[in-house]
Amino acid sequence: MTIAKQIYELVKSLPQDQASEILTFAESIRAKYLNSNQPSSTVAPVPWAELVYSLAGSWGEDFPTLENIRDNSGQDILRERL
């Protein structure tokens, strides 16, 4: 009997929660060996200030400005709160 069949027979006899633990453990073992076989990339470290400067403003398009919010609502939100 192969190891896979032995594991299958053993897991079949376990309650669902214990079988789930076995599956989680097997997945972690597989991930460990898959990651260890991957060649590590040699990326040169970037100084912190340079990284921050390169990312500055990169989310500008994702967030609306106060003017856009006011235009879309049709009212002056800040004055309505007062």
N, C-alpha and C. Protein backbone atom coordinates (compact mmCIF):
# COMPACT_ATOMS: atom_id res chain seq x y z
N MET A 1 0.84 -1.17 0.00
CA MET A 1 0.00 0.00 0.00
C MET A 1 0.89 1.24 0.00
N THR A 2 0.56 2.22 -0.85
CA THR A 2 1.38 3.44 -0.93
C THR A 2 1.12 4.33 0.29
N ILE A 3 2.00 5.27 0.48
CA ILE A 3 1.85 6.20 1.61
C ILE A 3 0.57 7.02 1.46
N ALA A 4 0.26 7.45 0.24
CA ALA A 4 -0.95 8.23 0.02
C ALA A 4 -2.19 7.43 0.41
N LYS A 5 -2.22 6.14 0.07
CA LYS A 5 -3.36 5.30 0.43
C LYS A 5 -3.43 5.08 1.94
N GLN A 6 -2.26 4.94 2.58
CA GLN A 6 -2.24 4.78 4.03
C GLN A 6 -2.79 6.03 4.73
N ILE A 7 -2.37 7.18 4.24
CA ILE A 7 -2.87 8.44 4.81
C ILE A 7 -4.37 8.55 4.59
N TYR A 8 -4.82 8.20 3.38
CA TYR A 8 -6.25 8.27 3.07
C TYR A 8 -7.06 7.37 4.00
N GLU A 9 -6.60 6.15 4.20
CA GLU A 9 -7.33 5.22 5.06
C GLU A 9 -7.36 5.73 6.50
N LEU A 10 -6.28 6.30 6.95
CA LEU A 10 -6.22 6.83 8.31
C LEU A 10 -7.17 8.03 8.47
N VAL A 11 -7.13 8.94 7.51
CA VAL A 11 -7.96 10.15 7.58
C VAL A 11 -9.44 9.81 7.47
N LYS A 12 -9.78 8.78 6.71
CA LYS A 12 -11.19 8.37 6.58
C LYS A 12 -11.80 8.02 7.92
N SER A 13 -10.99 7.49 8.83
CA SER A 13 -11.52 7.03 10.11
C SER A 13 -11.57 8.14 11.17
N LEU A 14 -11.06 9.32 10.85
CA LEU A 14 -11.02 10.42 11.82
C LEU A 14 -12.27 11.29 11.73
N PRO A 15 -12.60 11.97 12.84
CA PRO A 15 -13.67 12.96 12.78
C PRO A 15 -13.27 14.11 11.84
N GLN A 16 -14.26 14.86 11.38
CA GLN A 16 -14.03 15.91 10.39
C GLN A 16 -13.01 16.96 10.85
N ASP A 17 -13.08 17.39 12.11
CA ASP A 17 -12.15 18.42 12.58
C ASP A 17 -10.71 17.92 12.61
N GLN A 18 -10.51 16.68 12.97
CA GLN A 18 -9.16 16.11 12.98
C GLN A 18 -8.64 15.90 11.56
N ALA A 19 -9.50 15.48 10.67
CA ALA A 19 -9.11 15.31 9.26
C ALA A 19 -8.72 16.66 8.67
N SER A 20 -9.43 17.71 9.07
CA SER A 20 -9.11 19.06 8.60
C SER A 20 -7.72 19.48 9.07
N GLU A 21 -7.37 19.12 10.30
CA GLU A 21 -6.02 19.43 10.81
C GLU A 21 -4.95 18.71 10.00
N ILE A 22 -5.21 17.48 9.64
CA ILE A 22 -4.27 16.71 8.81
C ILE A 22 -4.08 17.41 7.46
N LEU A 23 -5.19 17.84 6.86
CA LEU A 23 -5.12 18.53 5.58
C LEU A 23 -4.32 19.83 5.69
N THR A 24 -4.57 20.60 6.73
CA THR A 24 -3.83 21.85 6.95
C THR A 24 -2.35 21.57 7.11
N PHE A 25 -2.02 20.53 7.86
CA PHE A 25 -0.61 20.17 8.06
C PHE A 25 0.04 19.76 6.75
N ALA A 26 -0.66 18.94 5.97
CA ALA A 26 -0.10 18.49 4.68
C ALA A 26 0.11 19.67 3.74
N GLU A 27 -0.83 20.61 3.73
CA GLU A 27 -0.67 21.79 2.87
C GLU A 27 0.51 22.65 3.32
N SER A 28 0.72 22.76 4.63
CA SER A 28 1.85 23.55 5.11
C SER A 28 3.19 22.89 4.76
N ILE A 29 3.23 21.57 4.84
CA ILE A 29 4.45 20.83 4.45
C ILE A 29 4.73 21.04 2.97
N ARG A 30 3.69 20.95 2.13
CA ARG A 30 3.87 21.14 0.69
C ARG A 30 4.35 22.56 0.39
N ALA A 31 3.74 23.54 1.04
CA ALA A 31 4.14 24.94 0.81
C ALA A 31 5.58 25.18 1.26
N LYS A 32 5.97 24.56 2.35
CA LYS A 32 7.33 24.72 2.87
C LYS A 32 8.34 24.23 1.84
N TYR A 33 8.10 23.09 1.26
CA TYR A 33 9.06 22.53 0.31
C TYR A 33 8.97 23.18 -1.06
N LEU A 34 7.79 23.65 -1.44
CA LEU A 34 7.68 24.38 -2.70
C LEU A 34 8.44 25.70 -2.61
N ASN A 35 8.30 26.38 -1.48
CA ASN A 35 8.98 27.67 -1.30
C ASN A 35 10.48 27.51 -1.15
N SER A 36 10.93 26.41 -0.56
CA SER A 36 12.37 26.23 -0.37
C SER A 36 13.06 25.87 -1.68
N ASN A 37 12.31 25.32 -2.64
CA ASN A 37 12.89 24.95 -3.93
C ASN A 37 12.91 26.12 -4.91
N GLN A 38 12.19 27.20 -4.60
CA GLN A 38 12.18 28.35 -5.48
C GLN A 38 13.47 29.13 -5.31
N PRO A 39 14.08 29.56 -6.41
CA PRO A 39 15.29 30.37 -6.27
C PRO A 39 14.93 31.74 -5.70
N SER A 40 15.75 32.18 -4.77
CA SER A 40 15.48 33.49 -4.18
C SER A 40 15.95 34.58 -5.13
N SER A 41 15.13 35.58 -5.28
CA SER A 41 15.49 36.67 -6.18
C SER A 41 16.49 37.58 -5.49
N THR A 42 17.36 38.12 -6.28
CA THR A 42 18.37 39.02 -5.72
C THR A 42 18.01 40.44 -6.12
N VAL A 43 17.13 41.03 -5.34
CA VAL A 43 16.70 42.39 -5.58
C VAL A 43 17.53 43.29 -4.68
N ALA A 44 18.09 44.31 -5.29
CA ALA A 44 18.90 45.25 -4.51
C ALA A 44 17.99 46.04 -3.58
N PRO A 45 18.38 46.19 -2.34
CA PRO A 45 17.55 46.97 -1.41
C PRO A 45 17.50 48.44 -1.83
N VAL A 46 16.33 49.03 -1.65
CA VAL A 46 16.12 50.43 -2.00
C VAL A 46 16.11 51.24 -0.71
N PRO A 47 16.82 52.36 -0.68
CA PRO A 47 16.77 53.18 0.53
C PRO A 47 15.34 53.64 0.82
N TRP A 48 14.99 53.75 2.10
CA TRP A 48 13.64 54.06 2.52
C TRP A 48 13.14 55.36 1.90
N ALA A 49 13.92 56.40 1.93
CA ALA A 49 13.50 57.69 1.40
C ALA A 49 13.20 57.60 -0.10
N GLU A 50 13.99 56.86 -0.81
CA GLU A 50 13.77 56.69 -2.25
C GLU A 50 12.49 55.92 -2.52
N LEU A 51 12.22 54.91 -1.72
CA LEU A 51 10.99 54.13 -1.87
C LEU A 51 9.76 55.01 -1.61
N VAL A 52 9.79 55.77 -0.53
CA VAL A 52 8.67 56.64 -0.20
C VAL A 52 8.45 57.67 -1.30
N TYR A 53 9.52 58.25 -1.79
CA TYR A 53 9.41 59.26 -2.85
C TYR A 53 8.83 58.64 -4.13
N SER A 54 9.22 57.42 -4.43
CA SER A 54 8.73 56.78 -5.66
C SER A 54 7.24 56.43 -5.56
N LEU A 55 6.74 56.20 -4.34
CA LEU A 55 5.34 55.84 -4.16
C LEU A 55 4.44 57.04 -3.88
N ALA A 56 5.02 58.19 -3.61
CA ALA A 56 4.24 59.36 -3.25
C ALA A 56 3.27 59.72 -4.36
N GLY A 57 2.01 59.87 -3.98
CA GLY A 57 0.98 60.25 -4.94
C GLY A 57 0.46 59.10 -5.78
N SER A 58 0.91 57.90 -5.55
CA SER A 58 0.49 56.78 -6.39
C SER A 58 -0.97 56.39 -6.16
N TRP A 59 -1.56 56.76 -5.03
CA TRP A 59 -2.96 56.46 -4.77
C TRP A 59 -3.86 57.65 -5.05
N GLY A 60 -3.31 58.70 -5.59
CA GLY A 60 -4.06 59.92 -5.82
C GLY A 60 -5.31 59.71 -6.64
N GLU A 61 -5.29 58.82 -7.60
CA GLU A 61 -6.45 58.57 -8.47
C GLU A 61 -7.51 57.73 -7.75
N ASP A 62 -7.12 57.00 -6.72
CA ASP A 62 -8.06 56.09 -6.05
C ASP A 62 -8.99 56.79 -5.07
N PHE A 63 -8.59 57.94 -4.55
CA PHE A 63 -9.38 58.61 -3.54
C PHE A 63 -9.92 59.92 -4.08
N PRO A 64 -11.21 60.16 -3.90
CA PRO A 64 -11.79 61.40 -4.43
C PRO A 64 -11.33 62.60 -3.61
N THR A 65 -11.26 63.72 -4.28
CA THR A 65 -10.93 64.96 -3.59
C THR A 65 -12.19 65.50 -2.94
N LEU A 66 -12.03 66.47 -2.06
CA LEU A 66 -13.17 67.08 -1.40
C LEU A 66 -14.09 67.74 -2.43
N GLU A 67 -13.50 68.31 -3.45
CA GLU A 67 -14.31 68.93 -4.50
C GLU A 67 -15.16 67.90 -5.24
N ASN A 68 -14.60 66.74 -5.52
CA ASN A 68 -15.36 65.68 -6.18
C ASN A 68 -16.52 65.20 -5.32
N ILE A 69 -16.29 65.08 -4.03
CA ILE A 69 -17.35 64.65 -3.12
C ILE A 69 -18.48 65.67 -3.12
N ARG A 70 -18.10 66.94 -3.05
CA ARG A 70 -19.11 68.00 -3.04
C ARG A 70 -19.90 68.02 -4.36
N ASP A 71 -19.20 67.85 -5.48
CA ASP A 71 -19.88 67.86 -6.78
C ASP A 71 -20.87 66.71 -6.89
N ASN A 72 -20.50 65.54 -6.42
CA ASN A 72 -21.35 64.36 -6.55
C ASN A 72 -22.55 64.40 -5.60
N SER A 73 -22.40 65.07 -4.46
CA SER A 73 -23.51 65.09 -3.50
C SER A 73 -24.50 66.21 -3.79
N GLY A 74 -24.06 67.24 -4.51
CA GLY A 74 -24.95 68.35 -4.83
C GLY A 74 -25.15 69.31 -3.68
N GLN A 75 -24.35 69.18 -2.63
CA GLN A 75 -24.48 70.09 -1.52
C GLN A 75 -23.13 70.30 -0.86
N ASP A 76 -23.07 71.29 -0.04
CA ASP A 76 -21.83 71.58 0.68
C ASP A 76 -21.85 70.80 1.98
N ILE A 77 -21.18 69.66 1.96
CA ILE A 77 -21.23 68.73 3.08
C ILE A 77 -20.73 69.37 4.37
N LEU A 78 -19.64 70.12 4.30
CA LEU A 78 -19.06 70.69 5.52
C LEU A 78 -20.03 71.68 6.16
N ARG A 79 -20.71 72.47 5.40
CA ARG A 79 -21.64 73.45 5.98
C ARG A 79 -22.91 72.78 6.47
N GLU A 80 -23.30 71.67 5.87
CA GLU A 80 -24.49 70.97 6.31
C GLU A 80 -24.31 70.40 7.71
N ARG A 81 -23.11 70.03 8.08
CA ARG A 81 -22.85 69.46 9.41
C ARG A 81 -22.99 70.51 10.49
N LEU A 82 -22.68 71.75 10.18
CA LEU A 82 -22.77 72.81 11.19
C LEU A 82 -24.22 73.10 11.43
